[in-house]
N, C-alpha and C. Protein backbone atom coordinates (compact mmCIF):
# COMPACT_ATOMS: atom_id res chain seq x y z
N UNK A 1 -28.28 24.71 -9.94
CA UNK A 1 -28.38 25.01 -11.28
C UNK A 1 -29.68 25.80 -11.44
N UNK A 2 -29.18 27.02 -12.22
CA UNK A 2 -29.95 28.06 -12.60
C UNK A 2 -30.55 27.90 -14.09
N UNK A 3 -30.42 26.91 -14.57
CA UNK A 3 -30.78 26.82 -16.07
C UNK A 3 -32.48 26.89 -15.90
N UNK A 4 -33.06 26.75 -15.30
CA UNK A 4 -34.72 26.69 -15.11
C UNK A 4 -35.20 27.70 -14.12
N UNK A 5 -34.14 28.21 -13.21
CA UNK A 5 -34.63 29.08 -12.18
C UNK A 5 -35.58 28.24 -11.26
N UNK A 6 -36.69 28.87 -10.70
CA UNK A 6 -37.17 28.42 -9.78
C UNK A 6 -38.53 27.62 -10.34
N UNK A 7 -38.33 27.56 -11.58
CA UNK A 7 -39.46 26.45 -12.17
C UNK A 7 -39.01 24.96 -12.02
N UNK A 8 -37.85 24.68 -11.85
CA UNK A 8 -37.39 23.47 -11.64
C UNK A 8 -38.00 22.85 -10.32
N UNK A 9 -38.72 23.27 -9.41
CA UNK A 9 -39.21 22.52 -8.33
C UNK A 9 -40.57 21.99 -9.33
N UNK A 10 -41.24 22.93 -9.65
CA UNK A 10 -42.37 22.67 -10.34
C UNK A 10 -42.20 21.54 -11.57
N UNK A 11 -41.23 21.74 -12.26
CA UNK A 11 -40.96 20.53 -13.20
C UNK A 11 -40.66 19.14 -12.68
N UNK A 12 -39.74 19.22 -11.63
CA UNK A 12 -39.45 18.03 -10.95
C UNK A 12 -40.73 17.67 -10.37
N UNK A 13 -41.53 18.18 -9.41
CA UNK A 13 -42.91 17.75 -9.04
C UNK A 13 -44.22 17.01 -10.04
N UNK A 14 -43.95 17.80 -11.09
CA UNK A 14 -44.81 17.33 -12.16
C UNK A 14 -44.34 16.06 -12.66
N UNK A 15 -43.00 16.00 -13.15
CA UNK A 15 -42.48 14.54 -13.53
C UNK A 15 -42.58 13.31 -12.26
N UNK A 16 -42.44 13.60 -10.91
CA UNK A 16 -42.49 12.88 -10.10
C UNK A 16 -44.04 12.33 -9.94
N UNK A 17 -44.94 13.08 -9.93
CA UNK A 17 -46.20 12.88 -9.71
C UNK A 17 -46.85 12.01 -11.04
N UNK A 18 -45.97 12.09 -12.40
CA UNK A 18 -46.39 11.63 -13.44
C UNK A 18 -46.06 9.90 -13.10
N UNK A 19 -44.88 9.94 -12.33
CA UNK A 19 -44.45 8.55 -12.30
C UNK A 19 -45.17 7.79 -10.93
N UNK A 20 -45.64 8.53 -10.06
CA UNK A 20 -46.39 8.06 -9.01
C UNK A 20 -47.81 7.66 -9.69
N UNK A 21 -48.38 8.50 -10.77
CA UNK A 21 -49.82 8.18 -11.49
C UNK A 21 -49.48 6.63 -11.94
N UNK A 22 -48.42 6.86 -12.73
CA UNK A 22 -48.09 5.26 -13.50
C UNK A 22 -47.88 4.22 -12.76
N UNK A 23 -47.20 4.42 -11.50
CA UNK A 23 -47.12 3.41 -10.73
C UNK A 23 -48.61 3.08 -10.11
N UNK A 24 -49.39 3.77 -9.51
CA UNK A 24 -50.75 3.63 -9.18
C UNK A 24 -51.77 2.89 -10.23
N UNK A 25 -51.39 3.53 -11.68
CA UNK A 25 -52.18 2.48 -12.48
C UNK A 25 -51.81 1.29 -12.80
N UNK A 26 -50.45 0.97 -12.47
CA UNK A 26 -49.99 -0.14 -12.56
C UNK A 26 -50.53 -1.16 -11.58
N UNK A 27 -50.46 -0.66 -10.70
CA UNK A 27 -50.94 -1.42 -9.30
C UNK A 27 -52.50 -1.69 -9.44
N UNK A 28 -53.11 -0.76 -9.85
CA UNK A 28 -54.52 -0.83 -10.09
C UNK A 28 -55.06 -2.07 -11.29
N UNK A 29 -53.94 -1.98 -12.24
CA UNK A 29 -54.17 -2.83 -13.46
C UNK A 29 -53.96 -4.21 -12.66
N UNK A 30 -52.72 -4.39 -11.94
CA UNK A 30 -52.49 -5.88 -11.41
C UNK A 30 -53.49 -6.40 -10.46
N UNK A 31 -54.21 -5.45 -9.79
CA UNK A 31 -55.23 -5.80 -8.97
C UNK A 31 -56.42 -6.29 -9.69
N UNK A 32 -56.89 -5.54 -10.83
CA UNK A 32 -58.22 -6.01 -11.59
C UNK A 32 -57.86 -7.31 -12.22
N UNK A 33 -56.62 -7.31 -12.73
CA UNK A 33 -56.15 -8.62 -13.54
C UNK A 33 -56.35 -9.79 -12.80
N UNK A 34 -55.81 -9.41 -11.50
CA UNK A 34 -55.63 -10.41 -10.67
C UNK A 34 -56.92 -11.40 -10.08
N UNK A 35 -57.93 -10.00 -9.79
CA UNK A 35 -59.29 -10.37 -9.54
C UNK A 35 -60.13 -10.99 -10.56
N UNK A 36 -59.71 -10.97 -11.85
CA UNK A 36 -60.57 -11.22 -12.99
C UNK A 36 -59.84 -12.57 -13.53
N UNK A 37 -58.78 -13.06 -13.25
CA UNK A 37 -58.04 -14.09 -13.96
C UNK A 37 -57.59 -15.08 -12.96
N UNK A 38 -57.21 -16.41 -13.21
CA UNK A 38 -56.63 -17.00 -12.43
C UNK A 38 -55.27 -17.04 -12.47
N UNK A 39 -54.69 -16.84 -11.12
CA UNK A 39 -53.16 -16.61 -10.75
C UNK A 39 -52.61 -17.76 -10.14
N UNK A 40 -51.51 -17.91 -10.37
CA UNK A 40 -50.74 -19.18 -9.95
C UNK A 40 -49.95 -18.80 -8.98
N UNK A 41 -49.26 -17.59 -8.87
CA UNK A 41 -48.48 -17.26 -7.50
C UNK A 41 -48.97 -15.86 -7.09
N UNK A 42 -50.16 -16.22 -6.33
CA UNK A 42 -50.77 -15.01 -5.85
C UNK A 42 -49.90 -14.11 -4.66
N UNK A 43 -49.14 -14.73 -3.98
CA UNK A 43 -48.51 -14.26 -2.83
C UNK A 43 -47.55 -13.03 -3.69
N UNK A 44 -46.80 -13.54 -4.77
CA UNK A 44 -45.86 -12.50 -5.51
C UNK A 44 -46.56 -11.65 -6.21
N UNK A 45 -47.88 -11.75 -6.68
CA UNK A 45 -48.52 -10.68 -7.30
C UNK A 45 -49.04 -9.79 -6.37
N UNK A 46 -49.35 -10.23 -5.00
CA UNK A 46 -49.99 -9.16 -4.05
C UNK A 46 -48.72 -8.42 -3.57
N UNK A 47 -47.63 -9.19 -3.22
CA UNK A 47 -46.30 -8.11 -2.95
C UNK A 47 -45.95 -7.11 -3.93
N UNK A 48 -46.33 -7.50 -5.07
CA UNK A 48 -45.96 -6.41 -6.22
C UNK A 48 -46.86 -5.19 -6.27
N UNK A 49 -48.29 -5.72 -5.95
CA UNK A 49 -49.03 -4.72 -5.88
C UNK A 49 -49.17 -3.60 -4.45
N UNK A 50 -48.62 -4.28 -3.63
CA UNK A 50 -48.21 -3.38 -2.26
C UNK A 50 -47.29 -2.83 -2.50
N UNK A 51 -46.32 -3.36 -3.14
CA UNK A 51 -44.80 -2.62 -3.19
C UNK A 51 -45.39 -1.45 -4.32
N UNK A 52 -45.94 -1.48 -5.34
CA UNK A 52 -46.52 -0.41 -6.39
C UNK A 52 -47.01 0.67 -5.51
N UNK A 53 -48.17 0.18 -4.95
CA UNK A 53 -48.79 1.16 -3.93
C UNK A 53 -48.04 2.11 -3.08
N UNK A 54 -47.24 1.33 -2.54
CA UNK A 54 -46.17 2.18 -1.58
C UNK A 54 -45.26 2.90 -2.39
N UNK A 55 -44.67 2.75 -3.40
CA UNK A 55 -43.84 3.31 -4.11
C UNK A 55 -44.34 4.48 -4.58
N UNK A 56 -45.85 4.33 -5.22
CA UNK A 56 -46.58 5.40 -5.78
C UNK A 56 -46.98 6.57 -4.64
N UNK A 57 -47.24 5.90 -3.40
CA UNK A 57 -47.68 6.99 -2.49
C UNK A 57 -46.29 7.96 -2.18
N UNK A 58 -45.24 7.12 -1.97
CA UNK A 58 -43.91 7.65 -1.64
C UNK A 58 -43.64 8.91 -2.76
N UNK A 59 -43.65 8.57 -4.04
CA UNK A 59 -43.50 9.62 -5.12
C UNK A 59 -44.37 10.78 -4.93
N UNK A 60 -45.81 10.21 -4.86
CA UNK A 60 -46.76 11.37 -4.73
C UNK A 60 -46.42 12.47 -3.55
N UNK A 61 -45.96 11.60 -2.59
CA UNK A 61 -45.20 12.91 -1.30
C UNK A 61 -43.97 13.62 -1.72
N UNK A 62 -43.02 12.83 -2.37
CA UNK A 62 -41.99 13.66 -2.79
C UNK A 62 -42.30 14.61 -3.62
N UNK A 63 -43.42 14.47 -4.54
CA UNK A 63 -43.73 15.80 -5.62
C UNK A 63 -44.20 16.83 -4.75
N UNK A 64 -45.20 16.31 -3.63
CA UNK A 64 -45.50 17.53 -2.46
C UNK A 64 -44.13 18.21 -1.74
N UNK A 65 -43.14 17.40 -1.50
CA UNK A 65 -41.84 17.93 -1.06
C UNK A 65 -41.24 19.09 -2.02
N UNK A 66 -41.26 18.87 -3.55
CA UNK A 66 -40.48 19.64 -4.22
C UNK A 66 -41.26 20.83 -4.53
N UNK A 67 -42.70 20.81 -4.37
CA UNK A 67 -43.44 22.09 -4.64
C UNK A 67 -43.07 22.97 -3.06
N UNK A 68 -42.87 22.16 -2.32
CA UNK A 68 -42.72 23.06 -0.79
C UNK A 68 -41.32 23.32 -0.96
N UNK A 69 -40.17 22.99 -1.99
CA UNK A 69 -39.02 23.25 -1.76
C UNK A 69 -38.21 22.69 -0.87
N UNK A 70 -38.63 21.23 -0.24
CA UNK A 70 -38.07 20.62 0.82
C UNK A 70 -36.84 19.67 0.32
N UNK A 71 -36.06 19.17 1.18
CA UNK A 71 -34.72 18.29 0.76
C UNK A 71 -35.26 17.03 0.61
N UNK A 72 -36.27 16.40 1.48
CA UNK A 72 -36.59 15.20 1.44
C UNK A 72 -37.27 14.65 0.38
N UNK A 73 -37.48 15.32 -0.57
CA UNK A 73 -38.03 14.71 -1.83
C UNK A 73 -37.09 14.13 -2.91
N UNK A 74 -35.98 14.54 -2.62
CA UNK A 74 -34.90 14.40 -3.64
C UNK A 74 -34.29 12.83 -3.74
N UNK A 75 -34.01 12.44 -2.44
CA UNK A 75 -33.75 11.20 -2.10
C UNK A 75 -34.51 9.82 -2.83
N UNK A 76 -35.77 9.85 -2.57
CA UNK A 76 -36.68 8.90 -3.17
C UNK A 76 -36.91 9.09 -4.42
N UNK A 77 -36.70 10.23 -5.25
CA UNK A 77 -36.95 10.49 -6.56
C UNK A 77 -35.60 9.93 -7.06
N UNK A 78 -34.52 10.32 -6.70
CA UNK A 78 -33.20 9.82 -7.30
C UNK A 78 -32.91 8.41 -7.20
N UNK A 79 -33.12 7.65 -6.13
CA UNK A 79 -33.18 6.33 -6.25
C UNK A 79 -34.26 5.52 -6.82
N UNK A 80 -35.39 5.95 -7.16
CA UNK A 80 -36.55 5.53 -8.10
C UNK A 80 -35.83 5.54 -9.48
N UNK A 81 -35.51 6.83 -9.56
CA UNK A 81 -35.21 6.78 -11.14
C UNK A 81 -33.66 6.34 -11.37
N UNK A 82 -33.23 6.04 -10.50
CA UNK A 82 -31.82 5.26 -10.67
C UNK A 82 -32.18 3.74 -10.91
N UNK A 83 -32.88 3.10 -10.18
CA UNK A 83 -33.50 2.03 -10.54
C UNK A 83 -34.29 1.75 -11.90
N UNK A 84 -34.98 2.61 -12.33
CA UNK A 84 -35.68 2.81 -13.66
C UNK A 84 -34.72 2.95 -14.86
N UNK A 85 -33.69 3.48 -14.34
CA UNK A 85 -32.61 3.35 -15.45
C UNK A 85 -31.90 2.02 -15.94
N UNK A 86 -31.89 1.31 -14.44
CA UNK A 86 -31.53 0.09 -14.57
C UNK A 86 -32.30 -1.05 -15.36
N UNK A 87 -33.73 -0.80 -15.06
CA UNK A 87 -34.76 -1.57 -15.62
C UNK A 87 -34.65 -1.19 -17.32
N UNK A 88 -34.45 0.06 -17.64
CA UNK A 88 -34.59 0.48 -19.08
C UNK A 88 -33.33 -0.31 -19.68
N UNK A 89 -32.19 -0.26 -18.95
CA UNK A 89 -31.00 -1.06 -19.51
C UNK A 89 -31.44 -2.50 -20.08
N UNK A 90 -32.17 -3.04 -19.11
CA UNK A 90 -32.36 -4.35 -19.21
C UNK A 90 -33.49 -4.57 -20.35
N UNK A 91 -34.48 -3.60 -20.59
CA UNK A 91 -35.37 -3.85 -21.34
C UNK A 91 -34.76 -3.67 -22.63
N UNK A 92 -33.54 -2.69 -23.03
CA UNK A 92 -33.14 -2.54 -24.09
C UNK A 92 -32.54 -3.88 -24.60
N UNK A 93 -31.69 -4.34 -23.39
CA UNK A 93 -30.93 -5.65 -23.61
C UNK A 93 -31.58 -6.84 -23.82
N UNK A 94 -33.10 -6.69 -23.50
CA UNK A 94 -34.05 -7.91 -24.01
C UNK A 94 -34.91 -7.55 -25.15
N UNK A 95 -34.13 -6.81 -26.03
CA UNK A 95 -34.83 -6.46 -27.50
C UNK A 95 -36.40 -5.81 -27.20
N UNK A 96 -36.36 -5.06 -25.97
CA UNK A 96 -37.54 -4.17 -25.87
C UNK A 96 -37.03 -2.47 -26.05
N UNK A 97 -36.54 -2.18 -27.23
CA UNK A 97 -35.93 -1.13 -27.38
C UNK A 97 -36.78 0.07 -27.19
N UNK A 98 -37.94 0.25 -27.76
CA UNK A 98 -38.80 1.46 -27.49
C UNK A 98 -39.13 1.73 -26.07
N UNK A 99 -39.72 0.47 -25.70
CA UNK A 99 -39.79 0.57 -24.27
C UNK A 99 -38.68 1.13 -23.33
N UNK A 100 -37.51 0.39 -23.59
CA UNK A 100 -36.56 0.89 -22.68
C UNK A 100 -35.79 2.38 -23.01
N UNK A 101 -36.01 2.82 -24.25
CA UNK A 101 -35.61 3.79 -24.51
C UNK A 101 -36.54 5.14 -23.93
N UNK A 102 -37.74 4.79 -23.84
CA UNK A 102 -38.81 5.71 -23.48
C UNK A 102 -38.61 5.95 -21.80
N UNK A 103 -38.51 4.52 -21.02
CA UNK A 103 -38.51 4.69 -19.75
C UNK A 103 -37.18 5.47 -19.47
N UNK A 104 -35.96 4.88 -19.97
CA UNK A 104 -34.86 5.57 -19.72
C UNK A 104 -34.71 7.21 -19.91
N UNK A 105 -35.21 7.43 -21.23
CA UNK A 105 -35.37 9.04 -21.22
C UNK A 105 -36.01 9.66 -20.18
N UNK A 106 -37.26 9.10 -19.77
CA UNK A 106 -38.33 9.90 -18.81
C UNK A 106 -37.30 9.68 -17.53
N UNK A 107 -36.95 8.61 -17.01
CA UNK A 107 -35.97 8.53 -15.77
C UNK A 107 -34.90 9.29 -15.56
N UNK A 108 -33.95 9.58 -17.02
CA UNK A 108 -32.89 10.53 -16.89
C UNK A 108 -33.49 12.10 -16.66
N UNK A 109 -34.54 12.22 -17.54
CA UNK A 109 -35.03 13.74 -17.22
C UNK A 109 -35.66 14.03 -15.83
N UNK A 110 -36.04 13.20 -15.39
CA UNK A 110 -36.93 13.25 -13.95
C UNK A 110 -35.42 13.34 -13.03
N UNK A 111 -34.48 12.27 -13.21
CA UNK A 111 -33.46 12.49 -12.22
C UNK A 111 -32.78 13.70 -12.13
N UNK A 112 -32.41 14.27 -13.39
CA UNK A 112 -31.94 15.50 -13.61
C UNK A 112 -32.70 16.69 -13.08
N UNK A 113 -33.90 16.88 -13.28
CA UNK A 113 -34.58 17.52 -12.44
C UNK A 113 -34.85 17.56 -10.92
N UNK A 114 -34.62 16.23 -10.45
CA UNK A 114 -34.64 16.06 -8.74
C UNK A 114 -33.21 16.52 -8.23
N UNK A 115 -32.06 16.52 -9.38
CA UNK A 115 -30.88 16.80 -8.73
C UNK A 115 -30.81 18.52 -9.06
N UNK A 116 -31.48 19.00 -10.03
CA UNK A 116 -31.29 20.40 -10.06
C UNK A 116 -32.30 21.24 -9.15
N UNK A 117 -33.21 20.27 -8.34
CA UNK A 117 -34.01 21.10 -7.46
C UNK A 117 -33.29 21.14 -5.95
N UNK A 118 -32.46 21.92 -5.85
CA UNK A 118 -31.75 21.91 -4.47
C UNK A 118 -32.20 23.26 -4.07
N UNK A 119 -32.45 23.24 -2.86
CA UNK A 119 -32.93 24.59 -2.20
C UNK A 119 -31.74 25.27 -1.80
N UNK A 120 -31.97 26.55 -2.18
CA UNK A 120 -30.94 27.75 -1.87
C UNK A 120 -30.57 27.95 -0.22
N UNK A 121 -29.44 27.38 0.16
CA UNK A 121 -29.09 27.97 1.27
C UNK A 121 -28.33 28.85 1.80
N UNK A 122 -29.08 30.22 1.32
CA UNK A 122 -28.31 31.59 1.38
C UNK A 122 -27.82 32.09 2.74
N UNK A 123 -27.01 32.90 3.05
CA UNK A 123 -26.62 33.49 4.22
C UNK A 123 -27.23 34.81 4.27
N UNK A 124 -27.49 35.28 5.45
CA UNK A 124 -27.85 36.81 5.72
C UNK A 124 -26.52 37.43 6.25
N UNK A 125 -26.16 38.23 5.38
CA UNK A 125 -24.91 39.07 5.99
C UNK A 125 -25.17 40.42 5.01
């Protein structure tokens, strides 16, 4: 897609790194909240913190992949944003319209940027 030219990689990398930063912040918030309050389901919270940490690291490295114009960055980005679109749908269905629309919009833009960032496979002739 030549809509944005070579800047699509930078756009995709920026959006993916914003997602990674958000997930890291959420993991930090849960860790601090868990340490400072009484938790009934400690194993579930710890699993969620670990999952968010790995997802954040994975999306951060996907951002590096977009900057390097590598293919490995697209699959985790597409998967994460398809999941986010599903979560946004359920947020809207659960009457959290603003959160759902915000999440869905950001996920859709990031998904489109990831799909547009296809490395050129030119031939030399």
